[in-house]
N, C-alpha and C. Protein backbone atom coordinates (compact mmCIF):
# COMPACT_ATOMS: atom_id res chain seq x y z
N MET A 1 0.82 -1.19 0.00
CA MET A 1 0.00 0.00 0.00
C MET A 1 0.87 1.26 0.00
N ILE A 2 2.02 1.21 0.66
CA ILE A 2 2.85 2.41 0.75
C ILE A 2 3.35 2.83 -0.62
N LEU A 3 3.57 1.89 -1.51
CA LEU A 3 4.05 2.24 -2.85
C LEU A 3 3.02 3.08 -3.61
N VAL A 4 1.76 2.73 -3.49
CA VAL A 4 0.73 3.46 -4.22
C VAL A 4 0.52 4.84 -3.61
N LYS A 5 0.83 5.00 -2.35
CA LYS A 5 0.68 6.30 -1.70
C LYS A 5 1.89 7.21 -1.92
N SER A 6 2.99 6.66 -2.36
CA SER A 6 4.21 7.43 -2.55
C SER A 6 4.23 8.07 -3.93
N ASP A 7 4.91 9.20 -4.04
CA ASP A 7 4.98 9.91 -5.31
C ASP A 7 6.42 10.31 -5.58
N ILE A 8 7.00 9.72 -6.60
CA ILE A 8 8.40 9.98 -6.94
C ILE A 8 8.61 11.44 -7.31
N LYS A 9 7.67 12.04 -7.99
CA LYS A 9 7.82 13.44 -8.40
C LYS A 9 7.86 14.37 -7.19
N ILE A 10 7.04 14.07 -6.19
CA ILE A 10 7.05 14.88 -4.97
C ILE A 10 8.38 14.71 -4.24
N ALA A 11 8.85 13.48 -4.13
CA ALA A 11 10.15 13.24 -3.48
C ALA A 11 11.27 13.96 -4.23
N GLU A 12 11.21 13.92 -5.55
CA GLU A 12 12.24 14.60 -6.34
C GLU A 12 12.19 16.11 -6.12
N ASN A 13 11.00 16.67 -5.98
CA ASN A 13 10.90 18.11 -5.74
C ASN A 13 11.55 18.48 -4.42
N TYR A 14 11.35 17.67 -3.38
CA TYR A 14 12.02 17.96 -2.10
C TYR A 14 13.54 17.95 -2.30
N ASP A 15 14.05 16.99 -3.07
CA ASP A 15 15.49 16.93 -3.33
C ASP A 15 15.96 18.17 -4.08
N VAL A 16 15.24 18.54 -5.12
CA VAL A 16 15.64 19.70 -5.92
C VAL A 16 15.65 20.96 -5.08
N GLN A 17 14.66 21.11 -4.22
CA GLN A 17 14.54 22.32 -3.41
C GLN A 17 15.52 22.35 -2.24
N LEU A 18 15.84 21.18 -1.67
CA LEU A 18 16.50 21.17 -0.36
C LEU A 18 17.86 20.51 -0.30
N VAL A 19 18.17 19.63 -1.22
CA VAL A 19 19.41 18.86 -1.11
C VAL A 19 20.50 19.52 -1.95
N THR A 20 21.65 19.75 -1.32
CA THR A 20 22.71 20.47 -2.02
C THR A 20 23.99 19.65 -2.22
N ASN A 21 24.26 18.68 -1.36
CA ASN A 21 25.52 17.97 -1.52
C ASN A 21 25.34 16.75 -2.44
N ALA A 22 26.37 16.49 -3.22
CA ALA A 22 26.32 15.46 -4.25
C ALA A 22 25.97 14.07 -3.72
N PRO A 23 26.56 13.61 -2.62
CA PRO A 23 26.21 12.27 -2.14
C PRO A 23 24.72 12.14 -1.79
N SER A 24 24.15 13.18 -1.22
CA SER A 24 22.72 13.12 -0.88
C SER A 24 21.85 13.17 -2.13
N VAL A 25 22.24 13.95 -3.12
CA VAL A 25 21.51 13.98 -4.39
C VAL A 25 21.53 12.60 -5.03
N GLN A 26 22.71 11.97 -5.02
CA GLN A 26 22.83 10.62 -5.58
C GLN A 26 21.99 9.62 -4.81
N LEU A 27 21.94 9.75 -3.49
CA LEU A 27 21.13 8.86 -2.67
C LEU A 27 19.66 8.99 -3.04
N GLY A 28 19.18 10.22 -3.18
CA GLY A 28 17.79 10.43 -3.57
C GLY A 28 17.48 9.81 -4.92
N GLN A 29 18.38 9.98 -5.87
CA GLN A 29 18.20 9.39 -7.20
C GLN A 29 18.15 7.87 -7.12
N GLU A 30 19.06 7.30 -6.33
CA GLU A 30 19.10 5.85 -6.17
C GLU A 30 17.83 5.32 -5.52
N LEU A 31 17.35 6.01 -4.49
CA LEU A 31 16.12 5.57 -3.81
C LEU A 31 14.92 5.64 -4.76
N ARG A 32 14.85 6.68 -5.58
CA ARG A 32 13.74 6.77 -6.53
C ARG A 32 13.83 5.67 -7.60
N ARG A 33 15.04 5.36 -8.04
CA ARG A 33 15.22 4.24 -9.00
C ARG A 33 14.79 2.93 -8.36
N LYS A 34 15.19 2.72 -7.11
CA LYS A 34 14.81 1.48 -6.42
C LYS A 34 13.30 1.40 -6.21
N MET A 35 12.68 2.53 -5.96
CA MET A 35 11.23 2.53 -5.83
C MET A 35 10.57 2.14 -7.15
N GLN A 36 11.06 2.71 -8.24
CA GLN A 36 10.51 2.35 -9.56
C GLN A 36 10.73 0.86 -9.84
N ASP A 37 11.89 0.35 -9.50
CA ASP A 37 12.16 -1.08 -9.69
C ASP A 37 11.22 -1.93 -8.84
N THR A 38 10.98 -1.50 -7.61
CA THR A 38 10.10 -2.23 -6.71
C THR A 38 8.67 -2.23 -7.24
N VAL A 39 8.21 -1.07 -7.70
CA VAL A 39 6.86 -0.99 -8.28
C VAL A 39 6.76 -1.95 -9.47
N GLY A 40 7.77 -1.94 -10.32
CA GLY A 40 7.77 -2.84 -11.48
C GLY A 40 7.72 -4.30 -11.06
N ALA A 41 8.48 -4.65 -10.03
CA ALA A 41 8.49 -6.04 -9.55
C ALA A 41 7.14 -6.43 -8.96
N VAL A 42 6.54 -5.54 -8.18
CA VAL A 42 5.23 -5.83 -7.58
C VAL A 42 4.19 -6.02 -8.68
N LEU A 43 4.22 -5.17 -9.68
CA LEU A 43 3.26 -5.31 -10.78
C LEU A 43 3.47 -6.61 -11.54
N LYS A 44 4.72 -6.98 -11.74
CA LYS A 44 5.02 -8.21 -12.46
C LYS A 44 4.53 -9.43 -11.68
N VAL A 45 4.83 -9.46 -10.39
CA VAL A 45 4.44 -10.59 -9.55
C VAL A 45 2.92 -10.67 -9.42
N SER A 46 2.28 -9.51 -9.28
CA SER A 46 0.83 -9.50 -9.06
C SER A 46 0.05 -9.68 -10.36
N GLY A 47 0.70 -9.42 -11.49
CA GLY A 47 0.00 -9.48 -12.77
C GLY A 47 -0.90 -8.29 -13.01
N ASN A 48 -0.80 -7.28 -12.16
CA ASN A 48 -1.62 -6.08 -12.30
C ASN A 48 -0.92 -5.06 -13.20
N THR A 49 -1.70 -4.13 -13.71
CA THR A 49 -1.14 -3.03 -14.50
C THR A 49 -1.02 -1.76 -13.66
N ARG A 50 -1.63 -1.80 -12.48
CA ARG A 50 -1.64 -0.63 -11.59
C ARG A 50 -1.56 -1.14 -10.15
N LEU A 51 -0.81 -0.42 -9.32
CA LEU A 51 -0.72 -0.80 -7.91
C LEU A 51 -2.10 -0.73 -7.27
N GLN A 52 -2.40 -1.72 -6.45
CA GLN A 52 -3.66 -1.77 -5.69
C GLN A 52 -4.89 -1.64 -6.60
N GLN A 53 -4.79 -2.16 -7.81
CA GLN A 53 -5.89 -1.94 -8.76
C GLN A 53 -7.21 -2.55 -8.32
N GLU A 54 -7.18 -3.49 -7.42
CA GLU A 54 -8.42 -4.08 -6.93
C GLU A 54 -8.98 -3.35 -5.71
N ASN A 55 -8.19 -2.45 -5.16
CA ASN A 55 -8.60 -1.71 -3.97
C ASN A 55 -9.22 -0.38 -4.42
N HIS A 56 -10.45 -0.45 -4.86
CA HIS A 56 -11.11 0.71 -5.46
C HIS A 56 -11.34 1.84 -4.45
N VAL A 57 -11.57 1.49 -3.21
CA VAL A 57 -11.78 2.52 -2.19
C VAL A 57 -10.50 3.33 -1.99
N LEU A 58 -9.37 2.64 -1.87
CA LEU A 58 -8.10 3.33 -1.69
C LEU A 58 -7.78 4.19 -2.91
N LEU A 59 -7.93 3.64 -4.10
CA LEU A 59 -7.61 4.40 -5.30
C LEU A 59 -8.48 5.64 -5.43
N ARG A 60 -9.75 5.51 -5.09
CA ARG A 60 -10.64 6.67 -5.13
C ARG A 60 -10.22 7.70 -4.09
N SER A 61 -9.86 7.23 -2.91
CA SER A 61 -9.40 8.12 -1.86
C SER A 61 -8.16 8.90 -2.28
N LEU A 62 -7.22 8.21 -2.93
CA LEU A 62 -6.00 8.87 -3.40
C LEU A 62 -6.31 9.87 -4.51
N THR A 63 -7.24 9.53 -5.37
CA THR A 63 -7.64 10.43 -6.45
C THR A 63 -8.22 11.72 -5.89
N VAL A 64 -8.98 11.59 -4.83
CA VAL A 64 -9.57 12.77 -4.19
C VAL A 64 -8.51 13.53 -3.38
N ARG A 65 -7.64 12.82 -2.71
CA ARG A 65 -6.65 13.41 -1.82
C ARG A 65 -5.55 14.16 -2.54
N ASN A 66 -4.99 13.57 -3.56
CA ASN A 66 -3.76 14.10 -4.17
C ASN A 66 -3.85 15.54 -4.66
N PRO A 67 -4.95 15.98 -5.26
CA PRO A 67 -5.00 17.38 -5.68
C PRO A 67 -4.88 18.38 -4.53
N TYR A 68 -5.15 17.93 -3.32
CA TYR A 68 -5.01 18.79 -2.14
C TYR A 68 -3.65 18.64 -1.48
N ILE A 69 -3.16 17.42 -1.41
CA ILE A 69 -1.91 17.13 -0.71
C ILE A 69 -0.69 17.53 -1.54
N ASP A 70 -0.72 17.29 -2.84
CA ASP A 70 0.44 17.58 -3.68
C ASP A 70 0.87 19.05 -3.60
N PRO A 71 -0.05 20.01 -3.73
CA PRO A 71 0.38 21.40 -3.59
C PRO A 71 0.95 21.72 -2.21
N LEU A 72 0.40 21.09 -1.17
CA LEU A 72 0.94 21.31 0.18
C LEU A 72 2.39 20.83 0.26
N ASN A 73 2.69 19.71 -0.40
CA ASN A 73 4.08 19.22 -0.42
C ASN A 73 5.00 20.21 -1.13
N VAL A 74 4.55 20.75 -2.24
CA VAL A 74 5.35 21.72 -2.99
C VAL A 74 5.58 22.98 -2.15
N ILE A 75 4.52 23.46 -1.52
CA ILE A 75 4.63 24.65 -0.66
C ILE A 75 5.56 24.36 0.52
N GLN A 76 5.43 23.17 1.10
CA GLN A 76 6.28 22.82 2.23
C GLN A 76 7.76 22.83 1.85
N ALA A 77 8.08 22.25 0.71
CA ALA A 77 9.48 22.24 0.27
C ALA A 77 9.99 23.67 0.08
N GLU A 78 9.17 24.53 -0.50
CA GLU A 78 9.56 25.92 -0.69
C GLU A 78 9.75 26.64 0.66
N LEU A 79 8.85 26.41 1.58
CA LEU A 79 8.98 27.02 2.91
C LEU A 79 10.26 26.55 3.61
N LEU A 80 10.54 25.26 3.53
CA LEU A 80 11.77 24.74 4.13
C LEU A 80 12.99 25.37 3.47
N ARG A 81 12.95 25.51 2.15
CA ARG A 81 14.07 26.14 1.44
C ARG A 81 14.27 27.57 1.93
N ARG A 82 13.18 28.30 2.02
CA ARG A 82 13.28 29.69 2.47
C ARG A 82 13.80 29.78 3.90
N LEU A 83 13.31 28.91 4.75
CA LEU A 83 13.78 28.94 6.14
C LEU A 83 15.26 28.60 6.24
N ARG A 84 15.71 27.68 5.42
CA ARG A 84 17.12 27.29 5.47
C ARG A 84 18.01 28.37 4.86
N GLN A 85 17.62 28.90 3.71
CA GLN A 85 18.49 29.84 3.01
C GLN A 85 18.30 31.27 3.48
N GLU A 86 17.08 31.74 3.49
CA GLU A 86 16.82 33.13 3.80
C GLU A 86 16.61 33.35 5.30
N GLY A 87 15.97 32.37 5.92
CA GLY A 87 15.58 32.54 7.31
C GLY A 87 16.73 32.75 8.26
N ALA A 88 17.80 32.06 8.01
CA ALA A 88 18.92 32.14 8.94
C ALA A 88 19.65 33.47 8.84
N ALA A 89 19.68 34.05 7.64
CA ALA A 89 20.52 35.22 7.44
C ALA A 89 19.76 36.54 7.36
N THR A 90 18.70 36.58 6.56
CA THR A 90 18.14 37.89 6.23
C THR A 90 16.72 38.14 6.72
N ALA A 91 16.02 37.12 7.09
CA ALA A 91 14.61 37.31 7.47
C ALA A 91 14.50 37.98 8.83
N SER A 92 13.51 38.85 8.93
CA SER A 92 13.22 39.46 10.23
C SER A 92 12.59 38.39 11.12
N PRO A 93 12.60 38.61 12.41
CA PRO A 93 11.95 37.64 13.31
C PRO A 93 10.48 37.42 12.96
N ASP A 94 9.77 38.48 12.57
CA ASP A 94 8.36 38.32 12.18
C ASP A 94 8.21 37.49 10.92
N GLU A 95 9.08 37.74 9.95
CA GLU A 95 9.02 36.97 8.70
C GLU A 95 9.36 35.51 8.96
N ARG A 96 10.38 35.28 9.76
CA ARG A 96 10.75 33.90 10.09
C ARG A 96 9.60 33.19 10.81
N GLN A 97 8.93 33.89 11.71
CA GLN A 97 7.79 33.31 12.42
C GLN A 97 6.66 32.98 11.44
N ARG A 98 6.39 33.85 10.48
CA ARG A 98 5.35 33.57 9.48
C ARG A 98 5.70 32.34 8.65
N LEU A 99 6.97 32.22 8.28
CA LEU A 99 7.41 31.03 7.52
C LEU A 99 7.24 29.77 8.37
N GLN A 100 7.62 29.84 9.63
CA GLN A 100 7.48 28.68 10.51
C GLN A 100 6.01 28.32 10.72
N ASP A 101 5.17 29.33 10.89
CA ASP A 101 3.74 29.06 11.05
C ASP A 101 3.16 28.40 9.80
N ALA A 102 3.54 28.91 8.64
CA ALA A 102 3.06 28.32 7.38
C ALA A 102 3.56 26.89 7.24
N LEU A 103 4.80 26.65 7.64
CA LEU A 103 5.35 25.29 7.58
C LEU A 103 4.54 24.35 8.46
N LEU A 104 4.21 24.77 9.65
CA LEU A 104 3.40 23.93 10.55
C LEU A 104 2.03 23.63 9.96
N ILE A 105 1.45 24.60 9.28
CA ILE A 105 0.16 24.38 8.62
C ILE A 105 0.29 23.31 7.54
N THR A 106 1.37 23.36 6.76
CA THR A 106 1.55 22.32 5.72
C THR A 106 1.78 20.96 6.35
N ILE A 107 2.53 20.91 7.44
CA ILE A 107 2.78 19.63 8.12
C ILE A 107 1.46 19.03 8.58
N ASN A 108 0.63 19.85 9.22
CA ASN A 108 -0.66 19.36 9.69
C ASN A 108 -1.58 18.96 8.54
N GLY A 109 -1.59 19.75 7.49
CA GLY A 109 -2.44 19.43 6.35
C GLY A 109 -2.04 18.13 5.68
N ILE A 110 -0.75 17.94 5.48
CA ILE A 110 -0.27 16.70 4.85
C ILE A 110 -0.55 15.51 5.77
N ALA A 111 -0.27 15.67 7.05
CA ALA A 111 -0.52 14.56 8.00
C ALA A 111 -1.98 14.17 8.02
N ASN A 112 -2.86 15.15 8.05
CA ASN A 112 -4.31 14.84 8.05
C ASN A 112 -4.73 14.20 6.74
N GLY A 113 -4.24 14.70 5.64
CA GLY A 113 -4.59 14.11 4.35
C GLY A 113 -4.11 12.69 4.20
N MET A 114 -2.90 12.42 4.65
CA MET A 114 -2.36 11.07 4.55
C MET A 114 -3.11 10.10 5.44
N ARG A 115 -3.49 10.53 6.59
CA ARG A 115 -4.22 9.66 7.52
C ARG A 115 -5.60 9.31 6.98
N ASN A 116 -6.22 10.24 6.31
CA ASN A 116 -7.57 10.03 5.83
C ASN A 116 -7.65 9.27 4.51
N SER A 117 -6.49 8.90 3.96
CA SER A 117 -6.51 8.26 2.65
C SER A 117 -6.45 6.74 2.73
N GLY A 118 -6.44 6.18 3.91
CA GLY A 118 -6.48 4.72 4.03
C GLY A 118 -5.20 4.08 4.38
């Protein structure tokens, strides 16, 4: 079930926004390749063309959830980037607090969305 809930594009966006050193970039690429290989193996063994294709409730839940959760993930990565790059050096305390508050909202939104998707 975790494979169908995972999104390689979202994981890659976090890497693009937040990861700067070469070994960590390579690790992220390797993990995404291994995930793709795992998905391929599960599909081959199961004979399915889609992960969890018989679990219609879960698939419907993900279809409804993703348009809300995906943008929160993108916003969260951007907020983390800003806090790491700008927040430490140039942001005023009020601006840093607003970024942190927004980050907490994305954390809660993603957590609630993931919990409600099965």
